[in-house]
């Protein structure tokens, strides 16, 4: 499904939030708020038909968003 690596919004040690591509050693960009980081990462994920993983302050995955063609869409569409 993904053309490029999935995007992760993760907390950094300085109280900031970073956007990282899966498997990358360095962050793509750092932000002062999680909201700003999520908005930036969402644009990348949509552009690349990949997934966005939003982590909480403790590092666990809090939310996940998929973009692009889903081969198994949910059946409960409105």
PDB file of N, CA and C in Angstrom:
ATOM      1  N   UNK A   1       0.817  -1.187   0.000  1.00  0.00           N
ATOM      2  CA  UNK A   1       0.000   0.000   0.000  1.00  0.00           C
ATOM      3  C   UNK A   1       0.863   1.254   0.000  1.00  0.00           C
ATOM      4  N   UNK A   2       1.854   1.313   0.850  1.00  0.00           N
ATOM      5  CA  UNK A   2       2.627   2.545   1.003  1.00  0.00           C
ATOM      6  C   UNK A   2       3.699   2.662  -0.067  1.00  0.00           C
ATOM      7  N   UNK A   3       3.806   3.850  -0.639  1.00  0.00           N
ATOM      8  CA  UNK A   3       4.860   4.128  -1.609  1.00  0.00           C
ATOM      9  C   UNK A   3       6.156   4.442  -0.873  1.00  0.00           C
ATOM     10  N   UNK A   4       6.037   5.061   0.289  1.00  0.00           N
ATOM     11  CA  UNK A   4       7.198   5.409   1.097  1.00  0.00           C
ATOM     12  C   UNK A   4       6.950   4.968   2.525  1.00  0.00           C
ATOM     13  N   UNK A   5       7.904   5.255   3.365  1.00  0.00           N
ATOM     14  CA  UNK A   5       7.812   4.844   4.762  1.00  0.00           C
ATOM     15  C   UNK A   5       6.650   5.534   5.472  1.00  0.00           C
ATOM     16  N   UNK A   6       6.092   4.844   6.428  1.00  0.00           N
ATOM     17  CA  UNK A   6       5.036   5.417   7.253  1.00  0.00           C
ATOM     18  C   UNK A   6       5.598   6.542   8.105  1.00  0.00           C
ATOM     19  N   UNK A   7       4.723   7.446   8.529  1.00  0.00           N
ATOM     20  CA  UNK A   7       5.125   8.594   9.332  1.00  0.00           C
ATOM     21  C   UNK A   7       4.733   8.357  10.791  1.00  0.00           C
ATOM     22  N   UNK A   8       5.613   8.757  11.702  1.00  0.00           N
ATOM     23  CA  UNK A   8       5.361   8.624  13.133  1.00  0.00           C
ATOM     24  C   UNK A   8       5.535   9.983  13.798  1.00  0.00           C
ATOM     25  N   UNK A   9       4.565  10.359  14.633  1.00  0.00           N
ATOM     26  CA  UNK A   9       4.686  11.561  15.463  1.00  0.00           C
ATOM     27  C   UNK A   9       5.040  11.059  16.854  1.00  0.00           C
ATOM     28  N   UNK A  10       6.250  11.408  17.307  1.00  0.00           N
ATOM     29  CA  UNK A  10       6.752  10.883  18.577  1.00  0.00           C
ATOM     30  C   UNK A  10       7.277  12.011  19.462  1.00  0.00           C
ATOM     31  N   UNK A  11       7.199  11.827  20.783  1.00  0.00           N
ATOM     32  CA  UNK A  11       7.755  12.856  21.674  1.00  0.00           C
ATOM     33  C   UNK A  11       9.276  12.808  21.653  1.00  0.00           C
ATOM     34  N   UNK A  12       9.887  13.979  21.766  1.00  0.00           N
ATOM     35  CA  UNK A  12      11.349  14.028  21.857  1.00  0.00           C
ATOM     36  C   UNK A  12      11.726  14.305  23.306  1.00  0.00           C
ATOM     37  N   UNK A  13      12.974  14.184  23.623  1.00  0.00           N
ATOM     38  CA  UNK A  13      13.433  14.360  24.992  1.00  0.00           C
ATOM     39  C   UNK A  13      13.329  15.774  25.523  1.00  0.00           C
ATOM     40  N   UNK A  14      13.179  16.750  24.657  1.00  0.00           N
ATOM     41  CA  UNK A  14      13.159  18.154  25.081  1.00  0.00           C
ATOM     42  C   UNK A  14      11.744  18.698  25.260  1.00  0.00           C
ATOM     43  N   UNK A  15      10.744  17.836  25.336  1.00  0.00           N
ATOM     44  CA  UNK A  15       9.369  18.298  25.474  1.00  0.00           C
ATOM     45  C   UNK A  15       8.760  18.735  24.155  1.00  0.00           C
ATOM     46  N   UNK A  16       9.435  18.418  23.067  1.00  0.00           N
ATOM     47  CA  UNK A  16       8.938  18.760  21.741  1.00  0.00           C
ATOM     48  C   UNK A  16       8.404  17.493  21.077  1.00  0.00           C
ATOM     49  N   UNK A  17       7.823  17.650  19.907  1.00  0.00           N
ATOM     50  CA  UNK A  17       7.289  16.535  19.140  1.00  0.00           C
ATOM     51  C   UNK A  17       8.002  16.473  17.801  1.00  0.00           C
ATOM     52  N   UNK A  18       8.354  15.269  17.371  1.00  0.00           N
ATOM     53  CA  UNK A  18       9.052  15.124  16.102  1.00  0.00           C
ATOM     54  C   UNK A  18       8.275  14.229  15.151  1.00  0.00           C
ATOM     55  N   UNK A  19       8.476  14.473  13.868  1.00  0.00           N
ATOM     56  CA  UNK A  19       7.924  13.631  12.811  1.00  0.00           C
ATOM     57  C   UNK A  19       9.084  12.813  12.269  1.00  0.00           C
ATOM     58  N   UNK A  20       8.903  11.494  12.237  1.00  0.00           N
ATOM     59  CA  UNK A  20       9.949  10.596  11.742  1.00  0.00           C
ATOM     60  C   UNK A  20       9.349   9.636  10.722  1.00  0.00           C
ATOM     61  N   UNK A  21      10.108   9.351   9.689  1.00  0.00           N
ATOM     62  CA  UNK A  21       9.738   8.285   8.760  1.00  0.00           C
ATOM     63  C   UNK A  21      10.157   6.969   9.400  1.00  0.00           C
ATOM     64  N   UNK A  22       9.378   5.931   9.174  1.00  0.00           N
ATOM     65  CA  UNK A  22       9.706   4.620   9.738  1.00  0.00           C
ATOM     66  C   UNK A  22      11.094   4.196   9.287  1.00  0.00           C
ATOM     67  N   UNK A  23      11.920   3.790  10.222  1.00  0.00           N
ATOM     68  CA  UNK A  23      13.266   3.325   9.934  1.00  0.00           C
ATOM     69  C   UNK A  23      14.320   4.415   9.827  1.00  0.00           C
ATOM     70  N   UNK A  24      13.920   5.673   9.948  1.00  0.00           N
ATOM     71  CA  UNK A  24      14.880   6.777   9.832  1.00  0.00           C
ATOM     72  C   UNK A  24      15.623   6.982  11.145  1.00  0.00           C
ATOM     73  N   UNK A  25      16.884   7.361  11.049  1.00  0.00           N
ATOM     74  CA  UNK A  25      17.684   7.641  12.238  1.00  0.00           C
ATOM     75  C   UNK A  25      17.416   9.031  12.790  1.00  0.00           C
ATOM     76  N   UNK A  26      17.091   9.959  11.899  1.00  0.00           N
ATOM     77  CA  UNK A  26      16.874  11.351  12.313  1.00  0.00           C
ATOM     78  C   UNK A  26      15.434  11.762  12.047  1.00  0.00           C
ATOM     79  N   UNK A  27      14.979  12.738  12.802  1.00  0.00           N
ATOM     80  CA  UNK A  27      13.629  13.263  12.622  1.00  0.00           C
ATOM     81  C   UNK A  27      13.545  14.080  11.341  1.00  0.00           C
ATOM     82  N   UNK A  28      12.374  14.056  10.714  1.00  0.00           N
ATOM     83  CA  UNK A  28      12.127  14.882   9.539  1.00  0.00           C
ATOM     84  C   UNK A  28      12.033  16.341   9.951  1.00  0.00           C
ATOM     85  N   UNK A  29      11.294  16.589  11.057  1.00  0.00           N
ATOM     86  CA  UNK A  29      11.112  17.953  11.548  1.00  0.00           C
ATOM     87  C   UNK A  29      10.633  17.894  12.996  1.00  0.00           C
ATOM     88  N   UNK A  30      10.957  18.941  13.774  1.00  0.00           N
ATOM     89  CA  UNK A  30      10.538  19.027  15.181  1.00  0.00           C
ATOM     90  C   UNK A  30       9.556  20.179  15.351  1.00  0.00           C
ATOM     91  N   UNK A  31       8.619  20.013  16.289  1.00  0.00           N
ATOM     92  CA  UNK A  31       7.575  21.005  16.545  1.00  0.00           C
ATOM     93  C   UNK A  31       7.411  21.209  18.045  1.00  0.00           C
ATOM     94  N   UNK A  32       6.866  22.358  18.410  1.00  0.00           N
ATOM     95  CA  UNK A  32       6.640  22.647  19.826  1.00  0.00           C
ATOM     96  C   UNK A  32       5.355  22.002  20.341  1.00  0.00           C
ATOM     97  N   UNK A  33       4.409  21.676  19.444  1.00  0.00           N
ATOM     98  CA  UNK A  33       3.162  21.037  19.866  1.00  0.00           C
ATOM     99  C   UNK A  33       2.898  19.779  19.048  1.00  0.00           C
ATOM    100  N   UNK A  34       2.153  18.865  19.646  1.00  0.00           N
ATOM    101  CA  UNK A  34       1.797  17.639  18.947  1.00  0.00           C
ATOM    102  C   UNK A  34       0.849  17.936  17.788  1.00  0.00           C
ATOM    103  N   UNK A  35      -0.038  18.894  17.955  1.00  0.00           N
ATOM    104  CA  UNK A  35      -0.998  19.248  16.907  1.00  0.00           C
ATOM    105  C   UNK A  35      -0.276  19.678  15.631  1.00  0.00           C
ATOM    106  N   UNK A  36       0.724  20.527  15.771  1.00  0.00           N
ATOM    107  CA  UNK A  36       1.493  20.984  14.602  1.00  0.00           C
ATOM    108  C   UNK A  36       2.226  19.822  13.945  1.00  0.00           C
ATOM    109  N   UNK A  37       2.783  18.932  14.755  1.00  0.00           N
ATOM    110  CA  UNK A  37       3.502  17.773  14.220  1.00  0.00           C
ATOM    111  C   UNK A  37       2.554  16.842  13.470  1.00  0.00           C
ATOM    112  N   UNK A  38       1.368  16.616  14.017  1.00  0.00           N
ATOM    113  CA  UNK A  38       0.386  15.742  13.369  1.00  0.00           C
ATOM    114  C   UNK A  38      -0.062  16.339  12.037  1.00  0.00           C
ATOM    115  N   UNK A  39      -0.320  17.631  12.001  1.00  0.00           N
ATOM    116  CA  UNK A  39      -0.747  18.274  10.754  1.00  0.00           C
ATOM    117  C   UNK A  39       0.314  18.134   9.671  1.00  0.00           C
ATOM    118  N   UNK A  40       1.578  18.322  10.032  1.00  0.00           N
ATOM    119  CA  UNK A  40       2.684  18.188   9.082  1.00  0.00           C
ATOM    120  C   UNK A  40       2.799  16.742   8.596  1.00  0.00           C
ATOM    121  N   UNK A  41       2.773  15.792   9.529  1.00  0.00           N
ATOM    122  CA  UNK A  41       2.912  14.374   9.179  1.00  0.00           C
ATOM    123  C   UNK A  41       1.730  13.889   8.348  1.00  0.00           C
ATOM    124  N   UNK A  42       0.543  14.403   8.620  1.00  0.00           N
ATOM    125  CA  UNK A  42      -0.654  14.023   7.869  1.00  0.00           C
ATOM    126  C   UNK A  42      -0.509  14.408   6.391  1.00  0.00           C
ATOM    127  N   UNK A  43       0.051  15.583   6.137  1.00  0.00           N
ATOM    128  CA  UNK A  43       0.263  16.016   4.746  1.00  0.00           C
ATOM    129  C   UNK A  43       1.208  15.067   4.021  1.00  0.00           C
ATOM    130  N   UNK A  44       2.279  14.656   4.697  1.00  0.00           N
ATOM    131  CA  UNK A  44       3.236  13.724   4.090  1.00  0.00           C
ATOM    132  C   UNK A  44       2.566  12.376   3.821  1.00  0.00           C
ATOM    133  N   UNK A  45       1.827  11.864   4.806  1.00  0.00           N
ATOM    134  CA  UNK A  45       1.176  10.560   4.669  1.00  0.00           C
ATOM    135  C   UNK A  45       0.143  10.576   3.542  1.00  0.00           C
ATOM    136  N   UNK A  46      -0.632  11.642   3.438  1.00  0.00           N
ATOM    137  CA  UNK A  46      -1.622  11.741   2.357  1.00  0.00           C
ATOM    138  C   UNK A  46      -0.938  11.805   0.997  1.00  0.00           C
ATOM    139  N   UNK A  47       0.112  12.594   0.901  1.00  0.00           N
ATOM    140  CA  UNK A  47       0.827  12.754  -0.369  1.00  0.00           C
ATOM    141  C   UNK A  47       1.447  11.431  -0.831  1.00  0.00           C
ATOM    142  N   UNK A  48       1.886  10.610   0.110  1.00  0.00           N
ATOM    143  CA  UNK A  48       2.584   9.366  -0.219  1.00  0.00           C
ATOM    144  C   UNK A  48       1.734   8.109  -0.072  1.00  0.00           C
ATOM    145  N   UNK A  49       0.433   8.269   0.185  1.00  0.00           N
ATOM    146  CA  UNK A  49      -0.458   7.117   0.378  1.00  0.00           C
ATOM    147  C   UNK A  49       0.111   6.142   1.402  1.00  0.00           C
ATOM    148  N   UNK A  50       0.531   6.664   2.535  1.00  0.00           N
ATOM    149  CA  UNK A  50       1.113   5.826   3.584  1.00  0.00           C
ATOM    150  C   UNK A  50       0.279   5.944   4.858  1.00  0.00           C
ATOM    151  N   UNK A  51       0.824   5.507   5.969  1.00  0.00           N
ATOM    152  CA  UNK A  51       0.106   5.547   7.238  1.00  0.00           C
ATOM    153  C   UNK A  51       0.758   6.528   8.194  1.00  0.00           C
ATOM    154  N   UNK A  52      -0.057   7.039   9.096  1.00  0.00           N
ATOM    155  CA  UNK A  52       0.395   7.967  10.128  1.00  0.00           C
ATOM    156  C   UNK A  52       0.137   7.324  11.479  1.00  0.00           C
ATOM    157  N   UNK A  53       1.180   7.240  12.292  1.00  0.00           N
ATOM    158  CA  UNK A  53       1.076   6.715  13.647  1.00  0.00           C
ATOM    159  C   UNK A  53       1.323   7.864  14.612  1.00  0.00           C
ATOM    160  N   UNK A  54       0.367   8.105  15.502  1.00  0.00           N
ATOM    161  CA  UNK A  54       0.482   9.181  16.483  1.00  0.00           C
ATOM    162  C   UNK A  54       0.745   8.537  17.838  1.00  0.00           C
ATOM    163  N   UNK A  55       1.887   8.853  18.416  1.00  0.00           N
ATOM    164  CA  UNK A  55       2.295   8.283  19.697  1.00  0.00           C
ATOM    165  C   UNK A  55       1.952   9.242  20.831  1.00  0.00           C
ATOM    166  N   UNK A  56       1.672   8.692  22.001  1.00  0.00           N
ATOM    167  CA  UNK A  56       1.433   9.502  23.189  1.00  0.00           C
ATOM    168  C   UNK A  56       2.748   9.872  23.854  1.00  0.00           C
ATOM    169  N   UNK A  57       2.662  10.611  24.953  1.00  0.00           N
ATOM    170  CA  UNK A  57       3.871  11.033  25.674  1.00  0.00           C
ATOM    171  C   UNK A  57       4.695   9.850  26.172  1.00  0.00           C
ATOM    172  N   UNK A  58       4.032   8.719  26.442  1.00  0.00           N
ATOM    173  CA  UNK A  58       4.753   7.535  26.928  1.00  0.00           C
ATOM    174  C   UNK A  58       5.325   6.685  25.791  1.00  0.00           C
ATOM    175  N   UNK A  59       5.113   7.107  24.542  1.00  0.00           N
ATOM    176  CA  UNK A  59       5.665   6.409  23.393  1.00  0.00           C
ATOM    177  C   UNK A  59       4.765   5.361  22.768  1.00  0.00           C
ATOM    178  N   UNK A  60       3.656   5.016  23.430  1.00  0.00           N
ATOM    179  CA  UNK A  60       2.748   4.024  22.861  1.00  0.00           C
ATOM    180  C   UNK A  60       1.922   4.661  21.744  1.00  0.00           C
ATOM    181  N   UNK A  61       1.483   3.833  20.804  1.00  0.00           N
ATOM    182  CA  UNK A  61       0.677   4.335  19.690  1.00  0.00           C
ATOM    183  C   UNK A  61      -0.707   4.681  20.214  1.00  0.00           C
ATOM    184  N   UNK A  62      -1.080   5.930  20.041  1.00  0.00           N
ATOM    185  CA  UNK A  62      -2.356   6.455  20.511  1.00  0.00           C
ATOM    186  C   UNK A  62      -3.414   6.423  19.419  1.00  0.00           C
ATOM    187  N   UNK A  63      -2.983   6.638  18.160  1.00  0.00           N
ATOM    188  CA  UNK A  63      -3.919   6.688  17.041  1.00  0.00           C
ATOM    189  C   UNK A  63      -3.178   6.313  15.768  1.00  0.00           C
ATOM    190  N   UNK A  64      -3.948   5.860  14.794  1.00  0.00           N
ATOM    191  CA  UNK A  64      -3.371   5.443  13.510  1.00  0.00           C
ATOM    192  C   UNK A  64      -4.313   5.875  12.399  1.00  0.00           C
ATOM    193  N   UNK A  65      -3.761   6.483  11.357  1.00  0.00           N
ATOM    194  CA  UNK A  65      -4.557   6.935  10.221  1.00  0.00           C
ATOM    195  C   UNK A  65      -3.946   6.373   8.943  1.00  0.00           C
ATOM    196  N   UNK A  66      -4.790   5.815   8.073  1.00  0.00           N
ATOM    197  CA  UNK A  66      -4.329   5.248   6.808  1.00  0.00           C
ATOM    198  C   UNK A  66      -4.811   6.110   5.656  1.00  0.00           C
ATOM    199  N   UNK A  67      -3.944   6.283   4.670  1.00  0.00           N
ATOM    200  CA  UNK A  67      -4.282   7.065   3.486  1.00  0.00           C
ATOM    201  C   UNK A  67      -3.947   6.246   2.254  1.00  0.00           C
ATOM    202  N   UNK A  68      -4.683   6.476   1.192  1.00  0.00           N
ATOM    203  CA  UNK A  68      -4.446   5.747  -0.045  1.00  0.00           C
ATOM    204  C   UNK A  68      -5.511   4.697  -0.264  1.00  0.00           C
ATOM    205  N   UNK A  69      -5.248   3.788  -1.177  1.00  0.00           N
ATOM    206  CA  UNK A  69      -6.191   2.745  -1.540  1.00  0.00           C
ATOM    207  C   UNK A  69      -6.141   1.629  -0.507  1.00  0.00           C
ATOM    208  N   UNK A  70      -7.250   1.401   0.172  1.00  0.00           N
ATOM    209  CA  UNK A  70      -7.335   0.345   1.178  1.00  0.00           C
ATOM    210  C   UNK A  70      -7.929  -0.898   0.526  1.00  0.00           C
ATOM    211  N   UNK A  71      -7.168  -1.991   0.403  1.00  0.00           N
ATOM    212  CA  UNK A  71      -7.694  -3.193  -0.238  1.00  0.00           C
ATOM    213  C   UNK A  71      -8.783  -3.885   0.583  1.00  0.00           C
ATOM    214  N   UNK A  72      -8.881  -3.582   1.864  1.00  0.00           N
ATOM    215  CA  UNK A  72      -9.906  -4.170   2.738  1.00  0.00           C
ATOM    216  C   UNK A  72     -10.640  -3.057   3.484  1.00  0.00           C
ATOM    217  N   UNK A  73     -11.480  -2.282   2.796  1.00  0.00           N
ATOM    218  CA  UNK A  73     -12.163  -1.176   3.473  1.00  0.00           C
ATOM    219  C   UNK A  73     -13.182  -1.695   4.484  1.00  0.00           C
ATOM    220  N   UNK A  74     -13.498  -0.907   5.504  1.00  0.00           N
ATOM    221  CA  UNK A  74     -14.496  -1.329   6.491  1.00  0.00           C
ATOM    222  C   UNK A  74     -15.871  -1.448   5.844  1.00  0.00           C
ATOM    223  N   UNK A  75     -16.671  -2.381   6.326  1.00  0.00           N
ATOM    224  CA  UNK A  75     -17.987  -2.616   5.746  1.00  0.00           C
ATOM    225  C   UNK A  75     -19.061  -1.696   6.318  1.00  0.00           C
ATOM    226  N   UNK A  76     -18.768  -0.993   7.397  1.00  0.00           N
ATOM    227  CA  UNK A  76     -19.772  -0.155   8.057  1.00  0.00           C
ATOM    228  C   UNK A  76     -19.723   1.294   7.567  1.00  0.00           C
ATOM    229  N   UNK A  77     -19.699   1.489   6.270  1.00  0.00           N
ATOM    230  CA  UNK A  77     -19.663   2.842   5.710  1.00  0.00           C
ATOM    231  C   UNK A  77     -21.009   3.520   5.883  1.00  0.00           C
ATOM    232  N   UNK A  78     -20.967   4.838   6.007  1.00  0.00           N
ATOM    233  CA  UNK A  78     -22.214   5.604   6.172  1.00  0.00           C
ATOM    234  C   UNK A  78     -22.701   6.104   4.838  1.00  0.00           C
TER     235      UNK A  78
END
